Amino acid sequence: MTLDPLSYQCPEHHTDLTPLVTEALDDDAPPVAFFGLRRKPSGPRPFQVIVTCPGAGGAAAHQLTCAGNWTQ
């Protein structure tokens, strides 16, 4: 999977959220019951996911919305 932008960071804690974004996109993938009957969309696909930043230095966790494009 290729993301655009390539990485996501919490602006408040400077924590790398890219693995959480990737995991959220994997979880949102629709199951394909009839593989081969549907063509995969080509090109980048827009996305928007909500991830939880774990916080840093004793700060509390909080949610962030991350958006961009991804290709598989």
N, C-alpha and C. Protein backbone atom coordinates (compact mmCIF):
# COMPACT_ATOMS: atom_id res chain seq x y z
N MET A 1 0.85 -1.18 0.00
CA MET A 1 0.00 0.00 0.00
C MET A 1 0.90 1.23 0.00
N THR A 2 0.55 2.19 -0.83
CA THR A 2 1.29 3.45 -0.89
C THR A 2 0.36 4.59 -0.46
N LEU A 3 0.82 5.37 0.49
CA LEU A 3 0.03 6.49 1.00
C LEU A 3 0.54 7.80 0.44
N ASP A 4 -0.37 8.74 0.28
CA ASP A 4 -0.01 10.11 -0.10
C ASP A 4 -0.81 11.04 0.78
N PRO A 5 -0.22 11.71 1.73
CA PRO A 5 1.21 11.81 2.00
C PRO A 5 1.78 10.48 2.52
N LEU A 6 3.10 10.37 2.49
CA LEU A 6 3.76 9.12 2.86
C LEU A 6 3.71 8.83 4.35
N SER A 7 3.60 9.87 5.18
CA SER A 7 3.55 9.66 6.62
C SER A 7 2.56 10.62 7.27
N TYR A 8 2.11 10.23 8.45
CA TYR A 8 1.14 11.02 9.22
C TYR A 8 1.70 11.19 10.62
N GLN A 9 1.63 12.41 11.13
CA GLN A 9 2.20 12.73 12.43
C GLN A 9 1.22 13.56 13.24
N CYS A 10 1.16 13.28 14.53
CA CYS A 10 0.34 14.11 15.41
C CYS A 10 1.03 15.46 15.55
N PRO A 11 0.35 16.56 15.19
CA PRO A 11 0.99 17.87 15.27
C PRO A 11 1.25 18.32 16.71
N GLU A 12 0.51 17.75 17.65
CA GLU A 12 0.66 18.14 19.05
C GLU A 12 1.80 17.39 19.74
N HIS A 13 1.93 16.09 19.46
CA HIS A 13 2.92 15.26 20.16
C HIS A 13 4.07 14.79 19.28
N HIS A 14 4.00 15.09 17.99
CA HIS A 14 5.04 14.67 17.03
C HIS A 14 5.23 13.15 17.05
N THR A 15 4.13 12.44 17.19
CA THR A 15 4.12 10.98 17.19
C THR A 15 3.77 10.49 15.80
N ASP A 16 4.50 9.49 15.31
CA ASP A 16 4.23 8.92 13.99
C ASP A 16 2.96 8.09 14.04
N LEU A 17 1.95 8.48 13.29
CA LEU A 17 0.66 7.79 13.26
C LEU A 17 0.49 6.94 12.00
N THR A 18 1.52 6.89 11.16
CA THR A 18 1.42 6.17 9.89
C THR A 18 1.01 4.71 10.07
N PRO A 19 1.59 3.96 11.03
CA PRO A 19 1.14 2.57 11.21
C PRO A 19 -0.34 2.46 11.58
N LEU A 20 -0.84 3.42 12.34
CA LEU A 20 -2.26 3.40 12.73
C LEU A 20 -3.16 3.69 11.53
N VAL A 21 -2.72 4.60 10.66
CA VAL A 21 -3.48 4.91 9.45
C VAL A 21 -3.53 3.68 8.54
N THR A 22 -2.37 3.05 8.35
CA THR A 22 -2.30 1.85 7.51
C THR A 22 -3.20 0.74 8.07
N GLU A 23 -3.17 0.55 9.38
CA GLU A 23 -4.01 -0.47 10.01
C GLU A 23 -5.49 -0.16 9.82
N ALA A 24 -5.86 1.10 9.96
CA ALA A 24 -7.26 1.50 9.79
C ALA A 24 -7.71 1.25 8.35
N LEU A 25 -6.85 1.52 7.39
CA LEU A 25 -7.21 1.27 5.99
C LEU A 25 -7.35 -0.22 5.72
N ASP A 26 -6.50 -1.03 6.31
CA ASP A 26 -6.61 -2.49 6.16
C ASP A 26 -7.92 -2.99 6.75
N ASP A 27 -8.31 -2.43 7.90
CA ASP A 27 -9.55 -2.84 8.55
C ASP A 27 -10.78 -2.43 7.77
N ASP A 28 -10.69 -1.33 7.01
CA ASP A 28 -11.84 -0.81 6.27
C ASP A 28 -12.01 -1.45 4.89
N ALA A 29 -11.07 -2.30 4.51
CA ALA A 29 -11.17 -2.91 3.18
C ALA A 29 -12.42 -3.78 3.10
N PRO A 30 -13.25 -3.57 2.09
CA PRO A 30 -14.47 -4.37 2.00
C PRO A 30 -14.14 -5.80 1.59
N PRO A 31 -14.84 -6.76 2.16
CA PRO A 31 -14.61 -8.15 1.74
C PRO A 31 -15.13 -8.35 0.32
N VAL A 32 -14.41 -9.09 -0.46
CA VAL A 32 -14.82 -9.37 -1.84
C VAL A 32 -15.31 -10.80 -1.90
N ALA A 33 -16.61 -10.97 -2.11
CA ALA A 33 -17.21 -12.31 -2.13
C ALA A 33 -17.00 -13.00 -3.46
N PHE A 34 -16.94 -12.24 -4.54
CA PHE A 34 -16.84 -12.82 -5.87
C PHE A 34 -15.56 -12.31 -6.52
N PHE A 35 -14.43 -12.78 -6.04
CA PHE A 35 -13.15 -12.34 -6.55
C PHE A 35 -13.07 -12.62 -8.04
N GLY A 36 -12.64 -11.63 -8.79
CA GLY A 36 -12.50 -11.80 -10.23
C GLY A 36 -13.67 -11.19 -11.01
N LEU A 37 -14.80 -11.05 -10.39
CA LEU A 37 -15.95 -10.46 -11.08
C LEU A 37 -15.91 -8.93 -11.01
N ARG A 38 -15.20 -8.42 -10.02
CA ARG A 38 -15.10 -6.97 -9.86
C ARG A 38 -13.67 -6.55 -10.15
N ARG A 39 -13.53 -5.50 -10.90
CA ARG A 39 -12.19 -4.98 -11.17
C ARG A 39 -11.77 -4.06 -10.03
N LYS A 40 -10.52 -4.17 -9.67
CA LYS A 40 -9.99 -3.25 -8.67
C LYS A 40 -9.88 -1.86 -9.29
N PRO A 41 -10.27 -0.85 -8.55
CA PRO A 41 -10.11 0.50 -9.07
C PRO A 41 -8.62 0.79 -9.27
N SER A 42 -8.30 1.44 -10.36
CA SER A 42 -6.91 1.78 -10.58
C SER A 42 -6.68 3.22 -10.16
N GLY A 43 -5.44 3.52 -9.84
CA GLY A 43 -5.10 4.87 -9.44
C GLY A 43 -5.34 5.11 -7.97
N PRO A 44 -4.99 6.29 -7.50
CA PRO A 44 -5.15 6.61 -6.08
C PRO A 44 -6.62 6.74 -5.68
N ARG A 45 -6.89 6.29 -4.47
CA ARG A 45 -8.24 6.40 -3.92
C ARG A 45 -8.21 7.28 -2.67
N PRO A 46 -9.11 8.24 -2.56
CA PRO A 46 -9.12 9.10 -1.37
C PRO A 46 -9.60 8.32 -0.15
N PHE A 47 -9.11 8.73 1.01
CA PHE A 47 -9.57 8.11 2.26
C PHE A 47 -9.58 9.16 3.37
N GLN A 48 -10.31 8.82 4.41
CA GLN A 48 -10.33 9.60 5.64
C GLN A 48 -10.57 8.61 6.77
N VAL A 49 -9.66 8.56 7.73
CA VAL A 49 -9.79 7.64 8.86
C VAL A 49 -9.57 8.40 10.16
N ILE A 50 -10.13 7.88 11.22
CA ILE A 50 -9.93 8.44 12.56
C ILE A 50 -9.02 7.48 13.31
N VAL A 51 -7.91 8.00 13.83
CA VAL A 51 -6.96 7.19 14.60
C VAL A 51 -6.78 7.83 15.97
N THR A 52 -6.27 7.04 16.90
CA THR A 52 -6.04 7.53 18.26
C THR A 52 -4.55 7.71 18.49
N CYS A 53 -4.15 8.95 18.71
CA CYS A 53 -2.77 9.24 19.08
C CYS A 53 -2.61 8.82 20.54
N PRO A 54 -1.58 8.03 20.85
CA PRO A 54 -1.43 7.57 22.23
C PRO A 54 -0.97 8.66 23.19
N GLY A 55 -0.61 9.83 22.68
CA GLY A 55 -0.09 10.89 23.53
C GLY A 55 1.40 10.69 23.75
N ALA A 56 2.02 11.60 24.45
CA ALA A 56 3.46 11.49 24.73
C ALA A 56 3.77 12.28 25.99
N GLY A 57 4.76 11.82 26.73
CA GLY A 57 5.19 12.54 27.93
C GLY A 57 4.09 12.70 28.97
N GLY A 58 3.25 11.69 29.12
CA GLY A 58 2.18 11.75 30.10
C GLY A 58 0.90 12.40 29.61
N ALA A 59 0.89 12.88 28.37
CA ALA A 59 -0.31 13.50 27.81
C ALA A 59 -1.33 12.42 27.48
N ALA A 60 -2.58 12.77 27.56
CA ALA A 60 -3.66 11.82 27.31
C ALA A 60 -3.80 11.51 25.82
N ALA A 61 -4.31 10.33 25.54
CA ALA A 61 -4.60 9.94 24.16
C ALA A 61 -5.74 10.79 23.63
N HIS A 62 -5.74 11.00 22.31
CA HIS A 62 -6.82 11.77 21.68
C HIS A 62 -6.96 11.30 20.24
N GLN A 63 -8.11 11.59 19.64
CA GLN A 63 -8.38 11.15 18.28
C GLN A 63 -8.04 12.24 17.27
N LEU A 64 -7.57 11.78 16.12
CA LEU A 64 -7.26 12.67 15.00
C LEU A 64 -7.85 12.10 13.73
N THR A 65 -8.27 12.96 12.83
CA THR A 65 -8.72 12.54 11.51
C THR A 65 -7.57 12.71 10.54
N CYS A 66 -7.26 11.64 9.82
CA CYS A 66 -6.19 11.67 8.82
C CYS A 66 -6.82 11.41 7.46
N ALA A 67 -6.42 12.18 6.46
CA ALA A 67 -6.97 12.03 5.12
C ALA A 67 -5.84 12.06 4.10
N GLY A 68 -6.10 11.48 2.96
CA GLY A 68 -5.13 11.47 1.89
C GLY A 68 -5.60 10.56 0.77
N ASN A 69 -4.64 10.00 0.03
CA ASN A 69 -4.93 9.06 -1.04
C ASN A 69 -4.08 7.82 -0.83
N TRP A 70 -4.58 6.67 -1.30
CA TRP A 70 -3.78 5.45 -1.23
C TRP A 70 -3.96 4.63 -2.49
N THR A 71 -2.91 3.94 -2.82
CA THR A 71 -2.94 3.00 -3.93
C THR A 71 -2.43 1.66 -3.42
N GLN A 72 -2.91 0.62 -4.05
CA GLN A 72 -2.51 -0.70 -3.59
C GLN A 72 -1.59 -1.36 -4.54
